[in-house]
Every structure is written in C-alpha cells, then in structure tokens.
Amino acid sequence: MSTLFSSYVGTCKTLCLMSIILVLLSACSNGPVIDEQVEQPVEVLYNEALDLALANQPKKAAPKFEEVERQHPYSVWAVRSQIMAGWAFYAENDYQRAVATLDRFIELYPADPLTEYAYYLRALCFYEQIVDVERDADMTRRAMAAFEELVRRYPEGNYSRDAQLKADLTRSHLAGKEMAVARFYMEQGYYSAALKRFAIVVRDFDNTNQVPEALYRMVETYLSLGLTDEAERVVQVSEYNYPDSVWTERAVEVLNNPERAGPRGLIGSVIDRALTIF
C-alpha cells in the first residue's frame, strides 16, 4: 500500500494546487468588490502567501494564509485563505491540521463554490494516510466515507469522477481484507466464522470484484460442513449474477465433484475436512 500511494503524492498535490488556484481566480472575478483602503493590504498579504505556495514552500505559506483571515476576517480573501491554508497543511503532510481547517471551512461556508474542493481535499487527507489496510482498516474506511460523501453531495461536480474511483478502490481494499480474514478462518477449520466474513463481502461490498470468489468460498465452506443444499443455493446465486466468472465455473465444479483437491491453503478434499468435524 505504501508504494501504491506514495508514488503519486507529489504529482497529486501539485495538481490540487493548480486546480484550486484556477477556481480561486474564477471566483475572484465574480466576487464582491472590497473597499480600496482595505483591499490593498489584504492583497499584499494574500499574494505573499500565494507566492510561497507556488514556490513549493507550503510550511511557510500556511501561517501566511491564516494571517490573512486573522487580520481581515470579513474580507473575501479571508474565505479563500482558509481553503488555501487547508491545502498548505495537506501539502506539508500535516493531515490533522488540514482536516481541522477544512472541517471548519465546510461548517462556516457550506454553500461556497470552494466547499466542493474542501470535501475533496479532506478525503485526500485520509486517502494518503492509508499504509496497510491488512493491519489497520480505519483510515481506509474514513477515506471511503469521505469520498462517498463528496459524490453524494456533488454527483456532477468537478471531483466526483475521481472521488468515485477512489471510493471504489478503498471499498475493494476493505473487501479484500475481509476475504483474507475469511480464508484464514477457513484454513483453520473455523467454518462458521469464515461464512460470516464471506457473507459480509457479499452483502456490504456487493459491487466489488471480490464477490464472485466470496460466493465460491461459501460453496466450499458449506460442503466442508456437509450442507449440500446451502451450497447448491449459493451456486445458483453465482450462476445468475456472475455467469461468466471463473469463480462460478469453479463453484459448479466443486459442487459436482466434491472429491476434488481443495483450493490454495486447504489440505485434502472437502469431504475429508467435513468428516474431521464430526
């Protein structure tokens, strides 16, 4: 996981900065006119922060953006500075402060044109903290929930497509973790526990590519328990929903020939294993 996510972090953050700058320029052209006596100092301060961001110095840029809001809290630039401060913390890998800043922005400005980007950046903060879903799935769940919330709120938004792809990826990783645990239980002969895990994949991750294998493993597990009728019903479900899957083909084969050797990680035939539990 670390290799998968770290390889694109730098590029992703650069693209995020350019994206938000373009949005800001567009928003500024349509924004309210600031009083000239106040606008000049605000612009100077904001431009200094922006120059630091463009110079790839987010650590120095973040407090500058926060200073804009502190000195000129009612300026239109204060709103933009908040979202830029969130980006700066994100670019500096200070994800905790980035999320706190973005949460505050979302709460204060739920209808602002930049709020969609705040949701997206917040989700990326969780996404880029995914290290190993096998050991700790909490961050993966948080990333998935954040991307799904973005898609739900902005289904036709600028970031909805990328958010949906990343939500699907995190969901697939979580399903894979459930499958790994279920296979372990099955290998150890804990059939009831294995069935529960396979059922979670089928029920909660039904749109991932893990489901056909989960159904196949359920067939094997039921046969190991001597529950042929239940295995037949699962095969029917698999044939109906995944007629072209190799896992469906294997499920039919193992149902019709229960004496065949077990799959990877299983020892002996399913009937031999079934007899050991009685």
C-alpha atoms as a PDB file:
ATOM      1  CA  MET A   1       0.000   0.000   0.000  1.00  0.00           C
ATOM      2  CA  SER A   2       2.760   2.479   0.876  1.00  0.00           C
ATOM      3  CA  THR A   3       4.333   2.080  -2.581  1.00  0.00           C
ATOM      4  CA  LEU A   4       0.937   2.361  -4.271  1.00  0.00           C
ATOM      5  CA  PHE A   5       0.011   5.636  -2.651  1.00  0.00           C
ATOM      6  CA  SER A   6       3.389   7.357  -2.202  1.00  0.00           C
ATOM      7  CA  SER A   7       4.290   7.137  -5.899  1.00  0.00           C
ATOM      8  CA  TYR A   8       1.788   9.779  -6.951  1.00  0.00           C
ATOM      9  CA  VAL A   9       1.502  12.007  -3.859  1.00  0.00           C
ATOM     10  CA  GLY A  10       3.779  14.776  -5.185  1.00  0.00           C
ATOM     11  CA  THR A  11       2.012  14.984  -8.540  1.00  0.00           C
ATOM     12  CA  CYS A  12      -1.416  14.840  -6.904  1.00  0.00           C
ATOM     13  CA  LYS A  13      -0.600  17.717  -4.576  1.00  0.00           C
ATOM     14  CA  THR A  14       0.760  19.869  -7.394  1.00  0.00           C
ATOM     15  CA  LEU A  15      -2.378  19.257  -9.438  1.00  0.00           C
ATOM     16  CA  CYS A  16      -4.516  20.085  -6.416  1.00  0.00           C
ATOM     17  CA  LEU A  17      -2.729  23.433  -6.003  1.00  0.00           C
ATOM     18  CA  MET A  18      -3.164  24.364  -9.666  1.00  0.00           C
ATOM     19  CA  SER A  19      -6.804  23.275  -9.527  1.00  0.00           C
ATOM     20  CA  ILE A  20      -7.640  25.438  -6.566  1.00  0.00           C
ATOM     21  CA  ILE A  21      -5.771  28.442  -7.988  1.00  0.00           C
ATOM     22  CA  LEU A  22      -7.860  28.228 -11.149  1.00  0.00           C
ATOM     23  CA  VAL A  23     -11.036  28.024  -9.076  1.00  0.00           C
ATOM     24  CA  LEU A  24      -9.937  30.956  -6.967  1.00  0.00           C
ATOM     25  CA  LEU A  25      -9.192  33.111  -9.991  1.00  0.00           C
ATOM     26  CA  SER A  26     -12.621  32.342 -11.362  1.00  0.00           C
ATOM     27  CA  ALA A  27     -14.303  33.002  -8.042  1.00  0.00           C
ATOM     28  CA  CYS A  28     -12.423  36.255  -7.533  1.00  0.00           C
ATOM     29  CA  SER A  29     -13.577  37.616 -10.866  1.00  0.00           C
ATOM     30  CA  ASN A  30     -17.166  37.208  -9.739  1.00  0.00           C
ATOM     31  CA  GLY A  31     -16.644  38.075  -6.091  1.00  0.00           C
ATOM     32  CA  PRO A  32     -17.681  41.216  -4.241  1.00  0.00           C
ATOM     33  CA  VAL A  33     -15.610  44.387  -4.559  1.00  0.00           C
ATOM     34  CA  ILE A  34     -13.553  45.130  -1.466  1.00  0.00           C
ATOM     35  CA  ASP A  35     -13.111  48.632  -0.176  1.00  0.00           C
ATOM     36  CA  GLU A  36      -9.919  50.041  -1.707  1.00  0.00           C
ATOM     37  CA  GLN A  37      -8.438  51.120   1.615  1.00  0.00           C
ATOM     38  CA  VAL A  38      -8.691  47.573   2.956  1.00  0.00           C
ATOM     39  CA  GLU A  39      -8.121  45.660  -0.276  1.00  0.00           C
ATOM     40  CA  GLN A  40      -4.523  46.680  -0.864  1.00  0.00           C
ATOM     41  CA  PRO A  41      -3.028  45.344   2.398  1.00  0.00           C
ATOM     42  CA  VAL A  42      -5.117  42.200   2.101  1.00  0.00           C
ATOM     43  CA  GLU A  43      -3.964  41.541  -1.442  1.00  0.00           C
ATOM     44  CA  VAL A  44      -0.348  42.093  -0.495  1.00  0.00           C
ATOM     45  CA  LEU A  45      -0.596  39.642   2.373  1.00  0.00           C
ATOM     46  CA  TYR A  46      -2.512  37.110   0.332  1.00  0.00           C
ATOM     47  CA  ASN A  47      -0.127  37.359  -2.621  1.00  0.00           C
ATOM     48  CA  GLU A  48       2.856  36.804  -0.341  1.00  0.00           C
ATOM     49  CA  ALA A  49       1.247  33.589   0.892  1.00  0.00           C
ATOM     50  CA  LEU A  50       0.365  32.553  -2.642  1.00  0.00           C
ATOM     51  CA  ASP A  51       3.913  33.181  -3.853  1.00  0.00           C
ATOM     52  CA  LEU A  52       5.215  30.877  -1.113  1.00  0.00           C
ATOM     53  CA  ALA A  53       2.723  28.198  -2.140  1.00  0.00           C
ATOM     54  CA  LEU A  54       3.760  28.457  -5.778  1.00  0.00           C
ATOM     55  CA  ALA A  55       7.394  28.299  -4.714  1.00  0.00           C
ATOM     56  CA  ASN A  56       6.671  24.912  -3.110  1.00  0.00           C
ATOM     57  CA  GLN A  57       7.005  26.227   0.430  1.00  0.00           C
ATOM     58  CA  PRO A  58       3.660  25.191   1.960  1.00  0.00           C
ATOM     59  CA  LYS A  59       5.034  25.174   5.501  1.00  0.00           C
ATOM     60  CA  LYS A  60       5.736  28.914   5.257  1.00  0.00           C
ATOM     61  CA  ALA A  61       2.602  29.614   3.246  1.00  0.00           C
ATOM     62  CA  ALA A  62       0.167  28.126   5.773  1.00  0.00           C
ATOM     63  CA  PRO A  63       0.678  30.691   8.574  1.00  0.00           C
ATOM     64  CA  LYS A  64       0.598  33.494   5.988  1.00  0.00           C
ATOM     65  CA  PHE A  65      -2.817  32.361   4.774  1.00  0.00           C
ATOM     66  CA  GLU A  66      -4.016  32.115   8.372  1.00  0.00           C
ATOM     67  CA  GLU A  67      -2.749  35.649   8.962  1.00  0.00           C
ATOM     68  CA  VAL A  68      -4.957  36.941   6.156  1.00  0.00           C
ATOM     69  CA  GLU A  69      -8.006  35.641   7.983  1.00  0.00           C
ATOM     70  CA  ARG A  70      -6.795  36.944  11.336  1.00  0.00           C
ATOM     71  CA  GLN A  71      -6.167  40.478  10.104  1.00  0.00           C
ATOM     72  CA  HIS A  72      -9.092  40.724   7.708  1.00  0.00           C
ATOM     73  CA  PRO A  73     -11.763  38.272   8.911  1.00  0.00           C
ATOM     74  CA  TYR A  74     -14.571  39.897   6.893  1.00  0.00           C
ATOM     75  CA  SER A  75     -12.672  40.107   3.646  1.00  0.00           C
ATOM     76  CA  VAL A  76     -13.475  37.869   0.702  1.00  0.00           C
ATOM     77  CA  TRP A  77      -9.794  36.937   0.795  1.00  0.00           C
ATOM     78  CA  ALA A  78     -10.240  35.503   4.278  1.00  0.00           C
ATOM     79  CA  VAL A  79     -12.519  32.814   2.836  1.00  0.00           C
ATOM     80  CA  ARG A  80     -10.028  31.925   0.138  1.00  0.00           C
ATOM     81  CA  SER A  81      -7.172  31.981   2.620  1.00  0.00           C
ATOM     82  CA  GLN A  82      -8.870  29.338   4.741  1.00  0.00           C
ATOM     83  CA  ILE A  83      -9.079  26.858   1.907  1.00  0.00           C
ATOM     84  CA  MET A  84      -5.502  27.677   0.859  1.00  0.00           C
ATOM     85  CA  ALA A  85      -4.313  27.129   4.436  1.00  0.00           C
ATOM     86  CA  GLY A  86      -6.008  23.711   4.307  1.00  0.00           C
ATOM     87  CA  TRP A  87      -4.157  22.947   1.088  1.00  0.00           C
ATOM     88  CA  ALA A  88      -0.830  24.117   2.581  1.00  0.00           C
ATOM     89  CA  PHE A  89      -1.210  21.821   5.592  1.00  0.00           C
ATOM     90  CA  TYR A  90      -2.147  18.981   3.248  1.00  0.00           C
ATOM     91  CA  ALA A  91       0.868  19.620   1.019  1.00  0.00           C
ATOM     92  CA  GLU A  92       3.092  19.621   4.105  1.00  0.00           C
ATOM     93  CA  ASN A  93       1.623  16.231   5.143  1.00  0.00           C
ATOM     94  CA  ASP A  94       0.170  17.823   8.275  1.00  0.00           C
ATOM     95  CA  TYR A  95      -3.083  15.973   7.708  1.00  0.00           C
ATOM     96  CA  GLN A  96      -4.542  16.524  11.155  1.00  0.00           C
ATOM     97  CA  ARG A  97      -4.367  20.316  10.871  1.00  0.00           C
ATOM     98  CA  ALA A  98      -5.507  20.140   7.258  1.00  0.00           C
ATOM     99  CA  VAL A  99      -8.642  18.198   8.182  1.00  0.00           C
ATOM    100  CA  ALA A 100      -9.380  20.550  11.088  1.00  0.00           C
ATOM    101  CA  THR A 101      -9.037  23.588   8.810  1.00  0.00           C
ATOM    102  CA  LEU A 102     -11.174  22.052   6.073  1.00  0.00           C
ATOM    103  CA  ASP A 103     -13.857  20.918   8.532  1.00  0.00           C
ATOM    104  CA  ARG A 104     -14.071  24.487   9.822  1.00  0.00           C
ATOM    105  CA  PHE A 105     -14.339  25.843   6.282  1.00  0.00           C
ATOM    106  CA  ILE A 106     -17.122  23.387   5.416  1.00  0.00           C
ATOM    107  CA  GLU A 107     -19.010  24.296   8.571  1.00  0.00           C
ATOM    108  CA  LEU A 108     -18.698  28.059   8.020  1.00  0.00           C
ATOM    109  CA  TYR A 109     -19.261  28.140   4.266  1.00  0.00           C
ATOM    110  CA  PRO A 110     -21.485  25.196   3.263  1.00  0.00           C
ATOM    111  CA  ALA A 111     -22.687  26.953   0.089  1.00  0.00           C
ATOM    112  CA  ASP A 112     -19.377  28.453  -1.057  1.00  0.00           C
ATOM    113  CA  PRO A 113     -18.151  27.442  -4.534  1.00  0.00           C
ATOM    114  CA  LEU A 114     -14.943  26.175  -2.917  1.00  0.00           C
ATOM    115  CA  THR A 115     -16.718  23.855  -0.480  1.00  0.00           C
ATOM    116  CA  GLU A 116     -16.720  21.012  -3.005  1.00  0.00           C
ATOM    117  CA  TYR A 117     -12.952  21.270  -3.194  1.00  0.00           C
ATOM    118  CA  ALA A 118     -12.752  21.318   0.614  1.00  0.00           C
ATOM    119  CA  TYR A 119     -14.618  17.992   0.726  1.00  0.00           C
ATOM    120  CA  TYR A 120     -12.289  16.555  -1.910  1.00  0.00           C
ATOM    121  CA  LEU A 121      -9.126  17.730  -0.175  1.00  0.00           C
ATOM    122  CA  ARG A 122     -10.404  16.412   3.148  1.00  0.00           C
ATOM    123  CA  ALA A 123     -10.965  12.972   1.590  1.00  0.00           C
ATOM    124  CA  LEU A 124      -7.459  13.022   0.110  1.00  0.00           C
ATOM    125  CA  CYS A 125      -6.052  13.659   3.589  1.00  0.00           C
ATOM    126  CA  PHE A 126      -7.478  10.315   4.727  1.00  0.00           C
ATOM    127  CA  TYR A 127      -6.646   8.561   1.463  1.00  0.00           C
ATOM    128  CA  GLU A 128      -2.961   9.392   1.568  1.00  0.00           C
ATOM    129  CA  GLN A 129      -2.645   8.109   5.126  1.00  0.00           C
ATOM    130  CA  ILE A 130      -3.560   4.575   4.071  1.00  0.00           C
ATOM    131  CA  VAL A 131      -0.494   2.483   4.800  1.00  0.00           C
ATOM    132  CA  ASP A 132      -1.591  -1.133   5.159  1.00  0.00           C
ATOM    133  CA  VAL A 133      -5.278  -1.994   5.065  1.00  0.00           C
ATOM    134  CA  GLU A 134      -4.485  -5.515   6.247  1.00  0.00           C
ATOM    135  CA  ARG A 135      -3.326  -4.215   9.625  1.00  0.00           C
ATOM    136  CA  ASP A 136      -5.420  -1.077  10.093  1.00  0.00           C
ATOM    137  CA  ALA A 137      -8.532  -0.532   8.001  1.00  0.00           C
ATOM    138  CA  ASP A 138      -9.787   2.510   9.927  1.00  0.00           C
ATOM    139  CA  MET A 139      -8.152   5.097   7.669  1.00  0.00           C
ATOM    140  CA  THR A 140      -9.373   3.233   4.595  1.00  0.00           C
ATOM    141  CA  ARG A 141     -12.934   3.365   5.929  1.00  0.00           C
ATOM    142  CA  ARG A 142     -12.636   7.069   6.662  1.00  0.00           C
ATOM    143  CA  ALA A 143     -11.325   7.754   3.171  1.00  0.00           C
ATOM    144  CA  MET A 144     -14.113   5.700   1.593  1.00  0.00           C
ATOM    145  CA  ALA A 145     -16.776   7.506   3.632  1.00  0.00           C
ATOM    146  CA  ALA A 146     -15.313  10.913   2.772  1.00  0.00           C
ATOM    147  CA  PHE A 147     -15.219  10.225  -0.969  1.00  0.00           C
ATOM    148  CA  GLU A 148     -18.734   8.787  -0.886  1.00  0.00           C
ATOM    149  CA  GLU A 149     -19.984  11.897   0.915  1.00  0.00           C
ATOM    150  CA  LEU A 150     -18.414  14.081  -1.774  1.00  0.00           C
ATOM    151  CA  VAL A 151     -20.079  12.078  -4.553  1.00  0.00           C
ATOM    152  CA  ARG A 152     -23.399  12.196  -2.717  1.00  0.00           C
ATOM    153  CA  ARG A 153     -23.275  15.970  -2.275  1.00  0.00           C
ATOM    154  CA  TYR A 154     -21.801  16.813  -5.678  1.00  0.00           C
ATOM    155  CA  PRO A 155     -22.749  13.990  -8.074  1.00  0.00           C
ATOM    156  CA  GLU A 156     -21.992  16.159 -11.119  1.00  0.00           C
ATOM    157  CA  GLY A 157     -19.103  18.058  -9.543  1.00  0.00           C
ATOM    158  CA  ASN A 158     -15.575  18.597 -10.779  1.00  0.00           C
ATOM    159  CA  TYR A 159     -14.147  15.931  -8.482  1.00  0.00           C
ATOM    160  CA  SER A 160     -16.971  13.382  -8.488  1.00  0.00           C
ATOM    161  CA  ARG A 161     -15.391  11.052 -11.041  1.00  0.00           C
ATOM    162  CA  ASP A 162     -12.041  10.841  -9.272  1.00  0.00           C
ATOM    163  CA  ALA A 163     -13.795  10.582  -5.917  1.00  0.00           C
ATOM    164  CA  GLN A 164     -15.903   7.673  -7.168  1.00  0.00           C
ATOM    165  CA  LEU A 165     -12.827   5.858  -8.477  1.00  0.00           C
ATOM    166  CA  LYS A 166     -11.025   6.270  -5.171  1.00  0.00           C
ATOM    167  CA  ALA A 167     -14.122   5.258  -3.201  1.00  0.00           C
ATOM    168  CA  ASP A 168     -14.344   2.084  -5.300  1.00  0.00           C
ATOM    169  CA  LEU A 169     -10.655   1.385  -4.732  1.00  0.00           C
ATOM    170  CA  THR A 170     -10.915   1.768  -0.958  1.00  0.00           C
ATOM    171  CA  ARG A 171     -14.040  -0.398  -0.913  1.00  0.00           C
ATOM    172  CA  SER A 172     -12.212  -3.089  -2.878  1.00  0.00           C
ATOM    173  CA  HIS A 173      -9.329  -2.979  -0.389  1.00  0.00           C
ATOM    174  CA  LEU A 174     -11.727  -3.393   2.534  1.00  0.00           C
ATOM    175  CA  ALA A 175     -13.434  -6.307   0.795  1.00  0.00           C
ATOM    176  CA  GLY A 176     -10.025  -7.872   0.201  1.00  0.00           C
ATOM    177  CA  LYS A 177      -9.229  -7.585   3.895  1.00  0.00           C
ATOM    178  CA  GLU A 178     -12.469  -9.384   4.780  1.00  0.00           C
ATOM    179  CA  MET A 179     -11.621 -12.098   2.274  1.00  0.00           C
ATOM    180  CA  ALA A 180      -8.148 -12.567   3.749  1.00  0.00           C
ATOM    181  CA  VAL A 181      -9.579 -12.979   7.241  1.00  0.00           C
ATOM    182  CA  ALA A 182     -12.282 -15.344   5.991  1.00  0.00           C
ATOM    183  CA  ARG A 183      -9.769 -17.520   4.147  1.00  0.00           C
ATOM    184  CA  PHE A 184      -7.656 -17.713   7.293  1.00  0.00           C
ATOM    185  CA  TYR A 185     -10.643 -18.879   9.331  1.00  0.00           C
ATOM    186  CA  MET A 186     -11.465 -21.436   6.658  1.00  0.00           C
ATOM    187  CA  GLU A 187      -7.924 -22.794   6.619  1.00  0.00           C
ATOM    188  CA  GLN A 188      -8.025 -23.167  10.394  1.00  0.00           C
ATOM    189  CA  GLY A 189     -11.345 -25.038  10.243  1.00  0.00           C
ATOM    190  CA  TYR A 190     -13.426 -22.199  11.755  1.00  0.00           C
ATOM    191  CA  TYR A 191     -16.160 -22.615   9.190  1.00  0.00           C
ATOM    192  CA  SER A 192     -18.883 -20.618  10.907  1.00  0.00           C
ATOM    193  CA  ALA A 193     -16.589 -17.610  11.338  1.00  0.00           C
ATOM    194  CA  ALA A 194     -15.458 -17.924   7.725  1.00  0.00           C
ATOM    195  CA  LEU A 195     -19.040 -17.970   6.459  1.00  0.00           C
ATOM    196  CA  LYS A 196     -19.831 -14.776   8.375  1.00  0.00           C
ATOM    197  CA  ARG A 197     -16.893 -12.988   6.776  1.00  0.00           C
ATOM    198  CA  PHE A 198     -17.744 -14.202   3.270  1.00  0.00           C
ATOM    199  CA  ALA A 199     -21.339 -13.067   3.841  1.00  0.00           C
ATOM    200  CA  ILE A 200     -20.092  -9.585   4.799  1.00  0.00           C
ATOM    201  CA  VAL A 201     -18.293  -9.332   1.466  1.00  0.00           C
ATOM    202  CA  VAL A 202     -21.390 -10.405  -0.464  1.00  0.00           C
ATOM    203  CA  ARG A 203     -23.708  -8.104   1.497  1.00  0.00           C
ATOM    204  CA  ASP A 204     -21.628  -4.976   2.164  1.00  0.00           C
ATOM    205  CA  PHE A 205     -19.227  -4.985  -0.799  1.00  0.00           C
ATOM    206  CA  ASP A 206     -21.558  -6.286  -3.482  1.00  0.00           C
ATOM    207  CA  ASN A 207     -20.167  -4.024  -6.205  1.00  0.00           C
ATOM    208  CA  THR A 208     -16.538  -5.130  -5.812  1.00  0.00           C
ATOM    209  CA  ASN A 209     -14.658  -7.793  -7.722  1.00  0.00           C
ATOM    210  CA  GLN A 210     -14.314  -9.850  -4.538  1.00  0.00           C
ATOM    211  CA  VAL A 211     -17.911 -11.110  -4.554  1.00  0.00           C
ATOM    212  CA  PRO A 212     -17.573 -13.976  -7.097  1.00  0.00           C
ATOM    213  CA  GLU A 213     -14.738 -15.511  -5.088  1.00  0.00           C
ATOM    214  CA  ALA A 214     -16.651 -14.970  -1.835  1.00  0.00           C
ATOM    215  CA  LEU A 215     -19.565 -16.978  -3.254  1.00  0.00           C
ATOM    216  CA  TYR A 216     -17.205 -19.725  -4.371  1.00  0.00           C
ATOM    217  CA  ARG A 217     -15.623 -19.903  -0.921  1.00  0.00           C
ATOM    218  CA  MET A 218     -19.079 -20.110   0.632  1.00  0.00           C
ATOM    219  CA  VAL A 219     -19.801 -23.135  -1.536  1.00  0.00           C
ATOM    220  CA  GLU A 220     -16.601 -24.808  -0.329  1.00  0.00           C
ATOM    221  CA  THR A 221     -17.350 -23.959   3.268  1.00  0.00           C
ATOM    222  CA  TYR A 222     -20.880 -25.310   3.128  1.00  0.00           C
ATOM    223  CA  LEU A 223     -19.606 -28.516   1.551  1.00  0.00           C
ATOM    224  CA  SER A 224     -16.995 -28.801   4.298  1.00  0.00           C
ATOM    225  CA  LEU A 225     -19.872 -28.653   6.765  1.00  0.00           C
ATOM    226  CA  GLY A 226     -21.850 -31.236   4.785  1.00  0.00           C
ATOM    227  CA  LEU A 227     -24.539 -28.653   3.909  1.00  0.00           C
ATOM    228  CA  THR A 228     -25.086 -29.549   0.268  1.00  0.00           C
ATOM    229  CA  ASP A 229     -28.442 -27.786  -0.135  1.00  0.00           C
ATOM    230  CA  GLU A 230     -26.984 -24.476   1.050  1.00  0.00           C
ATOM    231  CA  ALA A 231     -24.022 -24.924  -1.298  1.00  0.00           C
ATOM    232  CA  GLU A 232     -26.389 -25.533  -4.222  1.00  0.00           C
ATOM    233  CA  ARG A 233     -28.303 -22.322  -3.444  1.00  0.00           C
ATOM    234  CA  VAL A 234     -25.090 -20.294  -3.420  1.00  0.00           C
ATOM    235  CA  VAL A 235     -24.066 -21.806  -6.761  1.00  0.00           C
ATOM    236  CA  GLN A 236     -27.424 -20.725  -8.201  1.00  0.00           C
ATOM    237  CA  VAL A 237     -26.845 -17.178  -6.983  1.00  0.00           C
ATOM    238  CA  SER A 238     -23.377 -17.201  -8.520  1.00  0.00           C
ATOM    239  CA  GLU A 239     -24.610 -18.565 -11.850  1.00  0.00           C
ATOM    240  CA  TYR A 240     -27.353 -15.938 -12.024  1.00  0.00           C
ATOM    241  CA  ASN A 241     -25.202 -12.925 -11.120  1.00  0.00           C
ATOM    242  CA  TYR A 242     -21.778 -13.943 -12.440  1.00  0.00           C
ATOM    243  CA  PRO A 243     -22.360 -16.476 -15.237  1.00  0.00           C
ATOM    244  CA  ASP A 244     -19.022 -15.753 -16.940  1.00  0.00           C
ATOM    245  CA  SER A 245     -16.826 -15.681 -13.848  1.00  0.00           C
ATOM    246  CA  VAL A 246     -14.095 -18.273 -13.388  1.00  0.00           C
ATOM    247  CA  TRP A 247     -15.192 -18.485  -9.737  1.00  0.00           C
ATOM    248  CA  THR A 248     -18.676 -19.554 -10.816  1.00  0.00           C
ATOM    249  CA  GLU A 249     -17.145 -22.241 -13.006  1.00  0.00           C
ATOM    250  CA  ARG A 250     -15.108 -23.489 -10.064  1.00  0.00           C
ATOM    251  CA  ALA A 251     -18.149 -23.412  -7.785  1.00  0.00           C
ATOM    252  CA  VAL A 252     -20.088 -25.636 -10.179  1.00  0.00           C
ATOM    253  CA  GLU A 253     -17.105 -27.964 -10.474  1.00  0.00           C
ATOM    254  CA  VAL A 254     -16.592 -28.381  -6.737  1.00  0.00           C
ATOM    255  CA  LEU A 255     -20.325 -28.914  -6.204  1.00  0.00           C
ATOM    256  CA  ASN A 256     -20.428 -31.662  -8.829  1.00  0.00           C
ATOM    257  CA  ASN A 257     -17.129 -33.182  -7.785  1.00  0.00           C
ATOM    258  CA  PRO A 258     -16.647 -32.714  -4.028  1.00  0.00           C
ATOM    259  CA  GLU A 259     -13.732 -35.168  -4.023  1.00  0.00           C
ATOM    260  CA  ARG A 260     -11.505 -32.744  -5.917  1.00  0.00           C
ATOM    261  CA  ALA A 261      -8.455 -31.376  -4.130  1.00  0.00           C
ATOM    262  CA  GLY A 262      -9.057 -28.262  -2.052  1.00  0.00           C
ATOM    263  CA  PRO A 263      -8.015 -24.779  -3.217  1.00  0.00           C
ATOM    264  CA  ARG A 264      -4.857 -22.937  -2.253  1.00  0.00           C
ATOM    265  CA  GLY A 265      -4.392 -23.109   1.508  1.00  0.00           C
ATOM    266  CA  LEU A 266      -6.759 -26.029   2.036  1.00  0.00           C
ATOM    267  CA  ILE A 267      -5.486 -29.521   2.774  1.00  0.00           C
ATOM    268  CA  GLY A 268      -7.212 -32.587   1.405  1.00  0.00           C
ATOM    269  CA  SER A 269     -10.653 -32.886  -0.123  1.00  0.00           C
ATOM    270  CA  VAL A 270     -13.667 -31.035   1.210  1.00  0.00           C
ATOM    271  CA  ILE A 271     -15.258 -34.327   2.282  1.00  0.00           C
ATOM    272  CA  ASP A 272     -12.183 -35.292   4.274  1.00  0.00           C
ATOM    273  CA  ARG A 273     -12.320 -31.951   6.054  1.00  0.00           C
ATOM    274  CA  ALA A 274     -16.040 -32.264   6.672  1.00  0.00           C
ATOM    275  CA  LEU A 275     -15.562 -35.655   8.340  1.00  0.00           C
ATOM    276  CA  THR A 276     -12.996 -34.234  10.748  1.00  0.00           C
ATOM    277  CA  ILE A 277     -15.554 -32.009  12.460  1.00  0.00           C
ATOM    278  CA  PHE A 278     -17.861 -34.908  13.462  1.00  0.00           C
END
